[in-house]
Amino acid sequence: MSKKKPGTPSSTIALNKKAKHEYHIEERFEAGLALLGWEVKSLRAGKAQLTDSYVLLKNGEAWLLGAHFTPLVAASTHVIADPTRTRKLLLHAKEIAKIIGKVNQTGHTCVPLALYWKKNKVKCEIALVKGKKEFDKRATEKERDWNRQKQRIMRDANA
């Protein structure tokens, strides 16, 4: 694997931090995105949000709903930009069948976790998830705080 040059920007465009807090992530998939030109320019500028987005499975296809790509002022002059339009996710038929099978089970859903660059293509990491209960969220937060506290203790002991 090639080493990253210092000073190169991260390949991550947008993260859905809320999803990791709200759900237990069971399985991850990498999907391509069918985008318009102004959307790619917007993503290059880092103007994307995944907070309230989700994946809709309809007619054997996967669609990304609720993702917000803020249009650039100079990018789209001849096209009327719709920042929250439904975008098609590009997956293999076997992957879509597997996701549909799991989503039809009770409690499972499919949400996007991240948008990132892979070479010159935009990829969307989607995941099969199951909703967390309130006590699960508290336990996760408690564990995170304890790990942070341990790091502080170790750092102070070594200093």
Protein backbone atom coordinates (compact mmCIF):
# COMPACT_ATOMS: atom_id res chain seq x y z
CA MET A 1 0.00 0.00 0.00
CA SER A 2 1.34 3.44 -0.85
CA LYS A 3 2.15 5.87 1.91
CA LYS A 4 0.11 9.04 2.21
CA LYS A 5 2.01 12.22 1.55
CA PRO A 6 2.08 14.66 4.45
CA GLY A 7 -0.35 17.52 3.96
CA THR A 8 -2.78 15.58 1.78
CA PRO A 9 -6.39 16.01 2.89
CA SER A 10 -8.37 13.13 4.36
CA SER A 11 -10.45 11.06 1.95
CA THR A 12 -13.48 11.32 4.26
CA ILE A 13 -16.12 13.79 3.08
CA ALA A 14 -18.87 13.38 5.68
CA LEU A 15 -19.59 11.14 8.68
CA ASN A 16 -22.86 10.15 10.30
CA LYS A 17 -21.82 10.21 13.96
CA LYS A 18 -25.44 10.03 15.08
CA ALA A 19 -25.79 6.55 13.53
CA LYS A 20 -23.01 5.10 15.68
CA HIS A 21 -24.73 6.48 18.77
CA GLU A 22 -28.27 5.39 17.85
CA TYR A 23 -27.63 1.90 16.40
CA HIS A 24 -25.67 -1.34 16.82
CA ILE A 25 -23.76 -1.74 13.55
CA GLU A 26 -23.99 -5.33 12.33
CA GLU A 27 -22.66 -5.37 8.77
CA ARG A 28 -21.05 -2.76 6.50
CA PHE A 29 -21.20 -2.36 2.72
CA GLU A 30 -19.45 -0.05 0.28
CA ALA A 31 -21.72 1.50 -2.34
CA GLY A 32 -21.05 3.84 -5.22
CA LEU A 33 -23.18 6.94 -5.75
CA ALA A 34 -24.82 8.17 -8.95
CA LEU A 35 -24.16 11.93 -8.81
CA LEU A 36 -24.54 15.02 -10.96
CA GLY A 37 -21.63 17.34 -11.79
CA TRP A 38 -22.55 20.06 -9.31
CA GLU A 39 -22.82 17.45 -6.53
CA VAL A 40 -19.28 16.22 -7.15
CA LYS A 41 -17.99 19.80 -7.03
CA SER A 42 -19.89 20.34 -3.79
CA LEU A 43 -18.38 17.18 -2.31
CA ARG A 44 -14.87 18.29 -3.32
CA ALA A 45 -15.55 21.43 -1.27
CA GLY A 46 -16.75 19.25 1.65
CA LYS A 47 -20.33 20.53 1.66
CA ALA A 48 -22.22 17.35 2.58
CA GLN A 49 -24.29 16.19 5.57
CA LEU A 50 -25.55 12.70 6.39
CA THR A 51 -27.17 13.36 9.78
CA ASP A 52 -30.81 12.51 9.03
CA SER A 53 -30.28 10.40 5.94
CA TYR A 54 -31.28 6.78 5.42
CA VAL A 55 -31.29 4.08 2.75
CA LEU A 56 -34.54 3.13 1.01
CA LEU A 57 -34.78 -0.25 -0.72
CA LYS A 58 -37.36 -0.26 -3.52
CA ASN A 59 -37.82 -2.46 -6.61
CA GLY A 60 -34.47 -4.20 -6.09
CA GLU A 61 -32.58 -0.89 -5.94
CA ALA A 62 -31.05 1.11 -3.10
CA TRP A 63 -31.61 4.86 -2.77
CA LEU A 64 -30.01 7.43 -0.48
CA LEU A 65 -32.64 9.77 1.01
CA GLY A 66 -32.17 12.84 3.18
CA ALA A 67 -28.49 13.45 2.44
CA HIS A 68 -27.87 17.18 2.03
CA PHE A 69 -25.28 18.39 -0.51
CA THR A 70 -25.07 22.18 -0.34
CA PRO A 71 -24.76 23.57 -3.90
CA LEU A 72 -21.89 25.91 -4.62
CA VAL A 73 -22.78 29.35 -5.96
CA ALA A 74 -20.47 29.13 -8.98
CA ALA A 75 -20.90 25.41 -9.74
CA SER A 76 -24.37 25.02 -11.23
CA THR A 77 -25.46 27.86 -13.47
CA HIS A 78 -27.61 25.97 -16.00
CA VAL A 79 -29.11 23.36 -13.63
CA ILE A 80 -31.54 23.96 -10.78
CA ALA A 81 -29.80 22.31 -7.84
CA ASP A 82 -31.89 20.26 -5.40
CA PRO A 83 -29.70 19.70 -2.31
CA THR A 84 -31.81 16.87 -0.84
CA ARG A 85 -32.68 14.91 -3.97
CA THR A 86 -32.86 11.11 -3.88
CA ARG A 87 -29.59 9.59 -5.08
CA LYS A 88 -29.12 6.05 -6.37
CA LEU A 89 -26.70 3.76 -4.54
CA LEU A 90 -24.73 1.42 -6.76
CA LEU A 91 -24.48 -2.08 -5.27
CA HIS A 92 -24.23 -5.62 -6.62
CA ALA A 93 -27.52 -7.55 -6.87
CA LYS A 94 -26.34 -10.10 -4.27
CA GLU A 95 -25.57 -7.31 -1.80
CA ILE A 96 -28.98 -5.71 -2.33
CA ALA A 97 -30.70 -9.09 -1.89
CA LYS A 98 -28.78 -9.67 1.34
CA ILE A 99 -29.70 -6.21 2.67
CA ILE A 100 -33.37 -6.62 1.73
CA GLY A 101 -33.45 -10.02 3.48
CA LYS A 102 -32.05 -8.53 6.70
CA VAL A 103 -34.20 -5.37 6.59
CA ASN A 104 -37.33 -7.49 6.34
CA GLN A 105 -36.42 -8.97 9.72
CA THR A 106 -37.76 -7.05 12.68
CA GLY A 107 -35.61 -4.29 14.09
CA HIS A 108 -33.12 -4.04 11.24
CA THR A 109 -32.63 -0.99 9.05
CA CYS A 110 -30.01 0.35 6.67
CA VAL A 111 -28.28 3.71 7.21
CA PRO A 112 -25.33 5.52 5.61
CA LEU A 113 -22.28 5.90 7.86
CA ALA A 114 -19.82 7.87 5.74
CA LEU A 115 -19.06 9.46 2.39
CA TYR A 116 -15.48 9.25 1.18
CA TRP A 117 -13.24 9.36 -1.89
CA LYS A 118 -11.79 6.14 -3.25
CA LYS A 119 -9.35 7.16 -5.99
CA ASN A 120 -11.56 9.55 -8.00
CA LYS A 121 -14.93 7.98 -7.11
CA VAL A 122 -17.32 8.91 -4.31
CA LYS A 123 -18.23 5.95 -2.12
CA CYS A 124 -20.89 5.68 0.56
CA GLU A 125 -20.40 3.30 3.46
CA ILE A 126 -23.79 1.89 4.42
CA ALA A 127 -24.54 -0.48 7.26
CA LEU A 128 -27.18 -2.91 8.42
CA VAL A 129 -28.05 -1.74 11.91
CA LYS A 130 -30.31 -2.55 14.81
CA GLY A 131 -31.65 0.18 17.10
CA LYS A 132 -30.11 0.64 20.54
CA LYS A 133 -32.19 0.83 23.68
CA GLU A 134 -31.72 3.73 26.09
CA PHE A 135 -29.67 1.66 28.54
CA ASP A 136 -27.36 0.57 25.70
CA LYS A 137 -26.69 4.20 24.83
CA ARG A 138 -25.89 5.00 28.45
CA ALA A 139 -23.58 1.99 28.73
CA THR A 140 -21.72 3.02 25.57
CA GLU A 141 -21.31 6.55 26.87
CA LYS A 142 -20.12 5.26 30.26
CA GLU A 143 -17.54 2.99 28.59
CA ARG A 144 -16.31 5.85 26.40
CA ASP A 145 -15.89 8.13 29.44
CA TRP A 146 -14.03 5.40 31.35
CA ASN A 147 -11.64 4.81 28.40
CA ARG A 148 -10.97 8.54 28.21
CA GLN A 149 -10.31 8.63 31.97
CA LYS A 150 -7.91 5.66 31.69
CA GLN A 151 -5.99 7.47 28.94
CA ARG A 152 -5.64 10.55 31.17
CA ILE A 153 -4.42 8.44 34.11
CA MET A 154 -1.87 6.63 31.93
CA ARG A 155 -0.68 9.88 30.38
CA ASP A 156 -0.28 11.55 33.80
CA ALA A 157 1.50 8.50 35.25
CA ASN A 158 4.00 8.42 32.36
CA ALA A 159 4.68 12.17 32.44
